[in-house]
Amino acid sequence: MHILEILLIIFSILVVVGTISFYLYRKYRNLSTGECAHCHKSRKKLLKEYRKMYNSNNKNE
């Protein structure tokens, strides 16, 4: 094997291992891993504001 082939194999393995470890890290930390990763955070914020607004209205009634 030539040095170029060895480097290509090592680089390919590093890319695969890096991708899998990134996915596992995001799963372990309960972060979004799908297409719309940022939607989860904005949905939580919107839901928190909704609950704050309507729970305060129900306590006053």
N, C-alpha and C. Protein backbone atom coordinates (compact mmCIF):
# COMPACT_ATOMS: atom_id res chain seq x y z
N MET A 1 0.85 -1.19 0.00
CA MET A 1 0.00 0.00 0.00
C MET A 1 0.88 1.24 0.00
N HIS A 2 0.43 2.20 -0.70
CA HIS A 2 1.13 3.47 -0.74
C HIS A 2 0.71 4.33 0.44
N ILE A 3 1.50 5.31 0.75
CA ILE A 3 1.23 6.19 1.88
C ILE A 3 -0.09 6.95 1.68
N LEU A 4 -0.41 7.28 0.44
CA LEU A 4 -1.65 7.99 0.15
C LEU A 4 -2.87 7.14 0.48
N GLU A 5 -2.83 5.88 0.17
CA GLU A 5 -3.94 4.98 0.49
C GLU A 5 -4.11 4.83 1.99
N ILE A 6 -3.02 4.73 2.71
CA ILE A 6 -3.08 4.61 4.16
C ILE A 6 -3.68 5.87 4.78
N LEU A 7 -3.26 7.02 4.32
CA LEU A 7 -3.81 8.28 4.83
C LEU A 7 -5.29 8.42 4.50
N LEU A 8 -5.69 7.98 3.33
CA LEU A 8 -7.09 8.04 2.94
C LEU A 8 -7.95 7.14 3.83
N ILE A 9 -7.46 5.96 4.15
CA ILE A 9 -8.20 5.05 5.02
C ILE A 9 -8.30 5.64 6.43
N ILE A 10 -7.21 6.17 6.95
CA ILE A 10 -7.24 6.77 8.28
C ILE A 10 -8.19 7.97 8.33
N PHE A 11 -8.14 8.81 7.31
CA PHE A 11 -9.03 9.97 7.26
C PHE A 11 -10.49 9.54 7.19
N SER A 12 -10.79 8.52 6.40
CA SER A 12 -12.16 8.03 6.28
C SER A 12 -12.67 7.49 7.62
N ILE A 13 -11.82 6.76 8.31
CA ILE A 13 -12.21 6.22 9.62
C ILE A 13 -12.46 7.35 10.61
N LEU A 14 -11.62 8.36 10.60
CA LEU A 14 -11.81 9.50 11.50
C LEU A 14 -13.11 10.23 11.24
N VAL A 15 -13.46 10.39 9.98
CA VAL A 15 -14.72 11.08 9.63
C VAL A 15 -15.91 10.27 10.12
N VAL A 16 -15.90 8.97 9.91
CA VAL A 16 -17.02 8.11 10.33
C VAL A 16 -17.14 8.11 11.85
N VAL A 17 -16.03 7.93 12.54
CA VAL A 17 -16.05 7.91 14.01
C VAL A 17 -16.47 9.27 14.56
N GLY A 18 -16.02 10.34 13.95
CA GLY A 18 -16.42 11.68 14.39
C GLY A 18 -17.90 11.93 14.21
N THR A 19 -18.45 11.49 13.10
CA THR A 19 -19.88 11.67 12.85
C THR A 19 -20.71 10.87 13.84
N ILE A 20 -20.33 9.65 14.08
CA ILE A 20 -21.08 8.80 15.03
C ILE A 20 -20.95 9.35 16.44
N SER A 21 -19.78 9.78 16.84
CA SER A 21 -19.61 10.31 18.19
C SER A 21 -20.39 11.62 18.37
N PHE A 22 -20.46 12.45 17.34
CA PHE A 22 -21.25 13.69 17.41
C PHE A 22 -22.73 13.37 17.60
N TYR A 23 -23.23 12.40 16.86
CA TYR A 23 -24.63 11.99 16.98
C TYR A 23 -24.91 11.43 18.38
N LEU A 24 -24.03 10.57 18.88
CA LEU A 24 -24.22 9.99 20.21
C LEU A 24 -24.14 11.05 21.31
N TYR A 25 -23.26 12.02 21.16
CA TYR A 25 -23.16 13.11 22.13
C TYR A 25 -24.47 13.91 22.18
N ARG A 26 -25.02 14.21 21.02
CA ARG A 26 -26.27 14.96 20.99
C ARG A 26 -27.42 14.16 21.57
N LYS A 27 -27.43 12.86 21.36
CA LYS A 27 -28.46 12.01 21.95
C LYS A 27 -28.29 11.94 23.46
N TYR A 28 -27.06 11.82 23.94
CA TYR A 28 -26.78 11.73 25.37
C TYR A 28 -27.18 13.01 26.09
N ARG A 29 -26.96 14.15 25.48
CA ARG A 29 -27.30 15.45 26.07
C ARG A 29 -28.74 15.85 25.80
N ASN A 30 -29.52 14.99 25.16
CA ASN A 30 -30.93 15.25 24.81
C ASN A 30 -31.09 16.49 23.95
N LEU A 31 -30.18 16.68 23.01
CA LEU A 31 -30.27 17.77 22.05
C LEU A 31 -30.90 17.25 20.78
N SER A 32 -31.50 18.12 20.02
CA SER A 32 -32.14 17.72 18.78
C SER A 32 -31.11 17.23 17.77
N THR A 33 -31.47 16.19 17.04
CA THR A 33 -30.55 15.64 16.05
C THR A 33 -31.14 15.64 14.65
N GLY A 34 -32.35 16.12 14.50
CA GLY A 34 -33.01 16.07 13.21
C GLY A 34 -32.74 17.29 12.35
N GLU A 35 -33.56 17.43 11.31
CA GLU A 35 -33.42 18.54 10.37
C GLU A 35 -33.65 19.88 11.03
N CYS A 36 -34.62 19.93 11.90
CA CYS A 36 -35.04 21.19 12.51
C CYS A 36 -34.55 21.26 13.95
N ALA A 37 -33.26 21.27 14.14
CA ALA A 37 -32.69 21.24 15.48
C ALA A 37 -33.00 22.52 16.26
N HIS A 38 -33.08 23.64 15.60
CA HIS A 38 -33.35 24.89 16.30
C HIS A 38 -34.82 25.05 16.64
N CYS A 39 -35.72 24.33 16.01
CA CYS A 39 -37.15 24.46 16.28
C CYS A 39 -37.49 23.99 17.70
N HIS A 40 -36.76 23.04 18.21
CA HIS A 40 -37.03 22.51 19.54
C HIS A 40 -36.87 23.60 20.60
N LYS A 41 -35.83 24.39 20.49
CA LYS A 41 -35.60 25.45 21.47
C LYS A 41 -36.66 26.54 21.36
N SER A 42 -37.01 26.92 20.15
CA SER A 42 -38.01 27.98 19.99
C SER A 42 -39.39 27.48 20.41
N ARG A 43 -39.66 26.20 20.21
CA ARG A 43 -40.94 25.63 20.63
C ARG A 43 -41.04 25.63 22.15
N LYS A 44 -39.94 25.30 22.84
CA LYS A 44 -39.95 25.33 24.30
C LYS A 44 -40.20 26.73 24.82
N LYS A 45 -39.57 27.71 24.20
CA LYS A 45 -39.74 29.10 24.62
C LYS A 45 -41.18 29.55 24.41
N LEU A 46 -41.74 29.22 23.27
CA LEU A 46 -43.11 29.60 22.97
C LEU A 46 -44.09 28.93 23.93
N LEU A 47 -43.87 27.67 24.24
CA LEU A 47 -44.73 26.94 25.16
C LEU A 47 -44.63 27.52 26.56
N LYS A 48 -43.45 27.91 26.97
CA LYS A 48 -43.26 28.51 28.29
C LYS A 48 -44.01 29.83 28.39
N GLU A 49 -43.93 30.66 27.36
CA GLU A 49 -44.65 31.93 27.35
C GLU A 49 -46.16 31.71 27.37
N TYR A 50 -46.63 30.72 26.62
CA TYR A 50 -48.06 30.40 26.57
C TYR A 50 -48.57 29.98 27.95
N ARG A 51 -47.83 29.08 28.59
CA ARG A 51 -48.24 28.60 29.91
C ARG A 51 -48.21 29.72 30.94
N LYS A 52 -47.21 30.58 30.85
CA LYS A 52 -47.10 31.70 31.78
C LYS A 52 -48.30 32.64 31.62
N MET A 53 -48.68 32.91 30.39
CA MET A 53 -49.78 33.84 30.14
C MET A 53 -51.11 33.25 30.58
N TYR A 54 -51.39 32.01 30.23
CA TYR A 54 -52.69 31.43 30.53
C TYR A 54 -52.79 30.89 31.94
N ASN A 55 -51.73 30.49 32.57
CA ASN A 55 -51.80 30.07 33.96
C ASN A 55 -52.03 31.26 34.86
N SER A 56 -51.46 32.41 34.54
CA SER A 56 -51.69 33.60 35.35
C SER A 56 -53.12 34.09 35.18
N ASN A 57 -53.73 33.92 34.01
CA ASN A 57 -55.11 34.32 33.79
C ASN A 57 -56.06 33.41 34.56
N ASN A 58 -55.78 32.14 34.65
CA ASN A 58 -56.65 31.20 35.37
C ASN A 58 -56.60 31.43 36.87
N LYS A 59 -55.49 31.87 37.42
CA LYS A 59 -55.40 32.12 38.85
C LYS A 59 -56.20 33.35 39.24
N ASN A 60 -56.33 34.32 38.33
CA ASN A 60 -57.06 35.54 38.64
C ASN A 60 -58.56 35.33 38.61
N GLU A 61 -59.03 34.32 37.93
CA GLU A 61 -60.48 34.13 37.79
C GLU A 61 -61.08 33.43 38.98
